[in-house]
């Protein structure tokens, strides 16, 4: 039996979909082409790229398909990662718009849509972003902000 060739992660290399990579799995070391890794373990590959920053990939050939796989594999993880860069259906726009635009330009409208309109599941806002939004709304229209959000600002 011929031992499997290993392709350890090279932090200096830019990986394309046909490049092979060996990663440890529960079943032991496994070597797959990058295009296959993004299909079988998109979250792990994404974390290696974004959080651990030890894996460099070609944007067109690997990163774009990976983000598409993430959206399907774990929508919540995808929303947390994308945050305000997510394209949303927002009142007043005929096509989708990046969430950061109404967040920045129309905080009261965004607050109404996001918090009062029941769209909190559509766009993930970190605690810092929530506080930023609540502060803007509290300054611009204090009657608009919900009591629970005011309480958060007091802490």
C-alpha atoms as a PDB file:
ATOM      1  CA  UNK A   1       0.000   0.000   0.000  1.00  0.00           C
ATOM      2  CA  UNK A   2       1.433   3.365  -1.053  1.00  0.00           C
ATOM      3  CA  UNK A   3       1.378   5.984   1.713  1.00  0.00           C
ATOM      4  CA  UNK A   4      -0.799   8.992   0.921  1.00  0.00           C
ATOM      5  CA  UNK A   5       1.070  12.119  -0.144  1.00  0.00           C
ATOM      6  CA  UNK A   6       0.537  14.916   2.341  1.00  0.00           C
ATOM      7  CA  UNK A   7       0.129  18.559   1.421  1.00  0.00           C
ATOM      8  CA  UNK A   8       0.421  20.511   4.666  1.00  0.00           C
ATOM      9  CA  UNK A   9      -1.000  24.011   4.763  1.00  0.00           C
ATOM     10  CA  UNK A  10       1.525  26.515   3.434  1.00  0.00           C
ATOM     11  CA  UNK A  11       0.728  30.011   4.787  1.00  0.00           C
ATOM     12  CA  UNK A  12       2.765  31.618   1.975  1.00  0.00           C
ATOM     13  CA  UNK A  13       0.932  29.863  -0.870  1.00  0.00           C
ATOM     14  CA  UNK A  14      -2.221  31.150  -2.550  1.00  0.00           C
ATOM     15  CA  UNK A  15      -4.550  28.189  -3.038  1.00  0.00           C
ATOM     16  CA  UNK A  16      -6.694  27.616  -6.120  1.00  0.00           C
ATOM     17  CA  UNK A  17      -9.574  25.146  -6.399  1.00  0.00           C
ATOM     18  CA  UNK A  18      -7.419  22.345  -7.862  1.00  0.00           C
ATOM     19  CA  UNK A  19      -4.633  22.645  -5.248  1.00  0.00           C
ATOM     20  CA  UNK A  20      -4.442  19.804  -2.755  1.00  0.00           C
ATOM     21  CA  UNK A  21      -4.435  20.381   0.991  1.00  0.00           C
ATOM     22  CA  UNK A  22      -4.062  17.922   3.862  1.00  0.00           C
ATOM     23  CA  UNK A  23      -5.989  18.694   7.055  1.00  0.00           C
ATOM     24  CA  UNK A  24      -6.556  16.662  10.190  1.00  0.00           C
ATOM     25  CA  UNK A  25     -10.097  15.364  10.566  1.00  0.00           C
ATOM     26  CA  UNK A  26     -11.832  13.087  13.053  1.00  0.00           C
ATOM     27  CA  UNK A  27     -10.931  10.178  10.770  1.00  0.00           C
ATOM     28  CA  UNK A  28      -7.281  11.264  10.577  1.00  0.00           C
ATOM     29  CA  UNK A  29      -5.364  13.287   8.020  1.00  0.00           C
ATOM     30  CA  UNK A  30      -7.285  13.810   4.788  1.00  0.00           C
ATOM     31  CA  UNK A  31      -6.022  15.229   1.501  1.00  0.00           C
ATOM     32  CA  UNK A  32      -8.546  16.893  -0.789  1.00  0.00           C
ATOM     33  CA  UNK A  33      -8.522  19.483  -3.529  1.00  0.00           C
ATOM     34  CA  UNK A  34      -9.411  22.949  -2.226  1.00  0.00           C
ATOM     35  CA  UNK A  35     -12.566  22.974  -4.356  1.00  0.00           C
ATOM     36  CA  UNK A  36     -13.703  19.853  -2.536  1.00  0.00           C
ATOM     37  CA  UNK A  37     -12.739  21.173   0.929  1.00  0.00           C
ATOM     38  CA  UNK A  38     -15.036  24.169   0.473  1.00  0.00           C
ATOM     39  CA  UNK A  39     -17.883  21.787  -0.315  1.00  0.00           C
ATOM     40  CA  UNK A  40     -17.345  19.382   2.614  1.00  0.00           C
ATOM     41  CA  UNK A  41     -16.157  21.775   5.358  1.00  0.00           C
ATOM     42  CA  UNK A  42     -16.831  25.387   4.337  1.00  0.00           C
ATOM     43  CA  UNK A  43     -16.885  26.801   7.875  1.00  0.00           C
ATOM     44  CA  UNK A  44     -13.511  25.320   8.789  1.00  0.00           C
ATOM     45  CA  UNK A  45     -11.927  26.601   5.567  1.00  0.00           C
ATOM     46  CA  UNK A  46     -13.470  30.032   6.113  1.00  0.00           C
ATOM     47  CA  UNK A  47     -12.129  30.220   9.657  1.00  0.00           C
ATOM     48  CA  UNK A  48      -8.633  29.300   8.415  1.00  0.00           C
ATOM     49  CA  UNK A  49      -8.858  32.199   5.949  1.00  0.00           C
ATOM     50  CA  UNK A  50     -10.598  34.872   8.027  1.00  0.00           C
ATOM     51  CA  UNK A  51      -9.979  34.169  11.721  1.00  0.00           C
ATOM     52  CA  UNK A  52      -6.685  32.323  11.805  1.00  0.00           C
ATOM     53  CA  UNK A  53      -5.398  34.065   8.656  1.00  0.00           C
ATOM     54  CA  UNK A  54      -3.148  31.117   7.835  1.00  0.00           C
ATOM     55  CA  UNK A  55      -4.780  30.149   4.542  1.00  0.00           C
ATOM     56  CA  UNK A  56      -4.599  32.347   1.438  1.00  0.00           C
ATOM     57  CA  UNK A  57      -6.940  31.586  -1.422  1.00  0.00           C
ATOM     58  CA  UNK A  58      -7.751  32.964  -4.844  1.00  0.00           C
ATOM     59  CA  UNK A  59     -10.739  35.277  -4.512  1.00  0.00           C
ATOM     60  CA  UNK A  60     -12.533  34.316  -7.730  1.00  0.00           C
ATOM     61  CA  UNK A  61     -11.810  30.603  -7.738  1.00  0.00           C
ATOM     62  CA  UNK A  62     -12.128  29.798  -4.029  1.00  0.00           C
ATOM     63  CA  UNK A  63     -13.412  32.670  -1.853  1.00  0.00           C
ATOM     64  CA  UNK A  64     -16.563  33.520  -3.844  1.00  0.00           C
ATOM     65  CA  UNK A  65     -17.744  29.897  -4.117  1.00  0.00           C
ATOM     66  CA  UNK A  66     -16.864  29.414  -0.433  1.00  0.00           C
ATOM     67  CA  UNK A  67     -19.087  32.326   0.626  1.00  0.00           C
ATOM     68  CA  UNK A  68     -21.906  30.850  -1.432  1.00  0.00           C
ATOM     69  CA  UNK A  69     -21.429  27.477   0.303  1.00  0.00           C
ATOM     70  CA  UNK A  70     -21.370  29.190   3.725  1.00  0.00           C
ATOM     71  CA  UNK A  71     -24.695  30.870   3.060  1.00  0.00           C
ATOM     72  CA  UNK A  72     -26.264  27.453   2.477  1.00  0.00           C
ATOM     73  CA  UNK A  73     -24.292  25.393   5.027  1.00  0.00           C
ATOM     74  CA  UNK A  74     -24.767  27.717   8.009  1.00  0.00           C
ATOM     75  CA  UNK A  75     -26.887  30.832   7.377  1.00  0.00           C
ATOM     76  CA  UNK A  76     -26.347  32.102  10.942  1.00  0.00           C
ATOM     77  CA  UNK A  77     -22.557  31.859  10.692  1.00  0.00           C
ATOM     78  CA  UNK A  78     -22.756  33.602   7.324  1.00  0.00           C
ATOM     79  CA  UNK A  79     -24.900  36.463   8.718  1.00  0.00           C
ATOM     80  CA  UNK A  80     -22.544  36.952  11.677  1.00  0.00           C
ATOM     81  CA  UNK A  81     -19.555  37.067   9.347  1.00  0.00           C
ATOM     82  CA  UNK A  82     -21.120  39.416   6.781  1.00  0.00           C
ATOM     83  CA  UNK A  83     -22.870  41.720   9.278  1.00  0.00           C
ATOM     84  CA  UNK A  84     -23.749  45.068   7.717  1.00  0.00           C
ATOM     85  CA  UNK A  85     -22.306  44.038   4.332  1.00  0.00           C
ATOM     86  CA  UNK A  86     -25.335  41.795   3.817  1.00  0.00           C
ATOM     87  CA  UNK A  87     -27.668  42.771   0.966  1.00  0.00           C
ATOM     88  CA  UNK A  88     -31.202  43.241   2.318  1.00  0.00           C
ATOM     89  CA  UNK A  89     -34.643  44.119   1.016  1.00  0.00           C
ATOM     90  CA  UNK A  90     -35.233  47.505   2.590  1.00  0.00           C
ATOM     91  CA  UNK A  91     -38.279  49.767   2.204  1.00  0.00           C
ATOM     92  CA  UNK A  92     -37.858  52.486  -0.415  1.00  0.00           C
ATOM     93  CA  UNK A  93     -35.413  50.537  -2.599  1.00  0.00           C
ATOM     94  CA  UNK A  94     -36.551  48.530  -5.618  1.00  0.00           C
ATOM     95  CA  UNK A  95     -33.564  46.183  -5.391  1.00  0.00           C
ATOM     96  CA  UNK A  96     -31.508  44.840  -2.499  1.00  0.00           C
ATOM     97  CA  UNK A  97     -29.242  47.266  -0.685  1.00  0.00           C
ATOM     98  CA  UNK A  98     -26.196  46.750   1.515  1.00  0.00           C
ATOM     99  CA  UNK A  99     -27.421  47.008   5.141  1.00  0.00           C
ATOM    100  CA  UNK A 100     -24.679  49.483   6.096  1.00  0.00           C
ATOM    101  CA  UNK A 101     -26.255  52.183   3.883  1.00  0.00           C
ATOM    102  CA  UNK A 102     -29.529  52.599   5.808  1.00  0.00           C
ATOM    103  CA  UNK A 103     -27.677  51.823   9.078  1.00  0.00           C
ATOM    104  CA  UNK A 104     -25.416  54.852   8.477  1.00  0.00           C
ATOM    105  CA  UNK A 105     -27.709  57.191   6.517  1.00  0.00           C
ATOM    106  CA  UNK A 106     -31.098  56.480   8.084  1.00  0.00           C
ATOM    107  CA  UNK A 107     -30.549  55.151  11.638  1.00  0.00           C
ATOM    108  CA  UNK A 108     -34.157  55.769  12.686  1.00  0.00           C
ATOM    109  CA  UNK A 109     -35.565  54.035   9.615  1.00  0.00           C
ATOM    110  CA  UNK A 110     -33.106  51.175  10.024  1.00  0.00           C
ATOM    111  CA  UNK A 111     -34.017  50.864  13.727  1.00  0.00           C
ATOM    112  CA  UNK A 112     -37.727  50.745  12.863  1.00  0.00           C
ATOM    113  CA  UNK A 113     -37.091  48.112  10.193  1.00  0.00           C
ATOM    114  CA  UNK A 114     -34.592  46.023  12.193  1.00  0.00           C
ATOM    115  CA  UNK A 115     -35.870  46.149  15.776  1.00  0.00           C
ATOM    116  CA  UNK A 116     -39.508  47.168  15.546  1.00  0.00           C
ATOM    117  CA  UNK A 117     -40.160  45.536  12.172  1.00  0.00           C
ATOM    118  CA  UNK A 118     -38.996  42.130  13.378  1.00  0.00           C
ATOM    119  CA  UNK A 119     -36.002  41.835  11.042  1.00  0.00           C
ATOM    120  CA  UNK A 120     -33.388  41.161  13.722  1.00  0.00           C
ATOM    121  CA  UNK A 121     -32.865  37.714  12.226  1.00  0.00           C
ATOM    122  CA  UNK A 122     -32.047  39.216   8.807  1.00  0.00           C
ATOM    123  CA  UNK A 123     -28.974  41.294   9.796  1.00  0.00           C
ATOM    124  CA  UNK A 124     -26.547  40.420  12.581  1.00  0.00           C
ATOM    125  CA  UNK A 125     -25.439  43.429  14.615  1.00  0.00           C
ATOM    126  CA  UNK A 126     -22.664  42.939  17.150  1.00  0.00           C
ATOM    127  CA  UNK A 127     -23.244  44.449  20.579  1.00  0.00           C
ATOM    128  CA  UNK A 128     -21.033  47.393  19.596  1.00  0.00           C
ATOM    129  CA  UNK A 129     -23.082  48.028  16.440  1.00  0.00           C
ATOM    130  CA  UNK A 130     -26.338  47.756  18.423  1.00  0.00           C
ATOM    131  CA  UNK A 131     -25.107  50.344  20.930  1.00  0.00           C
ATOM    132  CA  UNK A 132     -23.982  52.605  18.085  1.00  0.00           C
ATOM    133  CA  UNK A 133     -27.458  52.363  16.507  1.00  0.00           C
ATOM    134  CA  UNK A 134     -29.313  52.828  19.790  1.00  0.00           C
ATOM    135  CA  UNK A 135     -27.212  55.902  20.672  1.00  0.00           C
ATOM    136  CA  UNK A 136     -27.955  57.531  17.315  1.00  0.00           C
ATOM    137  CA  UNK A 137     -31.674  56.807  17.591  1.00  0.00           C
ATOM    138  CA  UNK A 138     -31.825  57.985  21.223  1.00  0.00           C
ATOM    139  CA  UNK A 139     -30.194  61.295  20.209  1.00  0.00           C
ATOM    140  CA  UNK A 140     -32.276  61.833  17.067  1.00  0.00           C
ATOM    141  CA  UNK A 141     -35.694  60.666  18.310  1.00  0.00           C
ATOM    142  CA  UNK A 142     -35.759  59.659  22.001  1.00  0.00           C
ATOM    143  CA  UNK A 143     -39.434  58.635  21.849  1.00  0.00           C
ATOM    144  CA  UNK A 144     -38.661  56.084  19.139  1.00  0.00           C
ATOM    145  CA  UNK A 145     -36.275  53.884  21.132  1.00  0.00           C
ATOM    146  CA  UNK A 146     -37.613  50.913  23.070  1.00  0.00           C
ATOM    147  CA  UNK A 147     -37.199  50.767  26.836  1.00  0.00           C
ATOM    148  CA  UNK A 148     -35.047  47.595  26.679  1.00  0.00           C
ATOM    149  CA  UNK A 149     -32.638  49.343  24.290  1.00  0.00           C
ATOM    150  CA  UNK A 150     -32.404  52.403  26.542  1.00  0.00           C
ATOM    151  CA  UNK A 151     -31.559  50.079  29.435  1.00  0.00           C
ATOM    152  CA  UNK A 152     -28.672  48.628  27.430  1.00  0.00           C
ATOM    153  CA  UNK A 153     -27.295  52.143  26.892  1.00  0.00           C
ATOM    154  CA  UNK A 154     -27.358  52.847  30.647  1.00  0.00           C
ATOM    155  CA  UNK A 155     -24.945  49.997  31.439  1.00  0.00           C
END
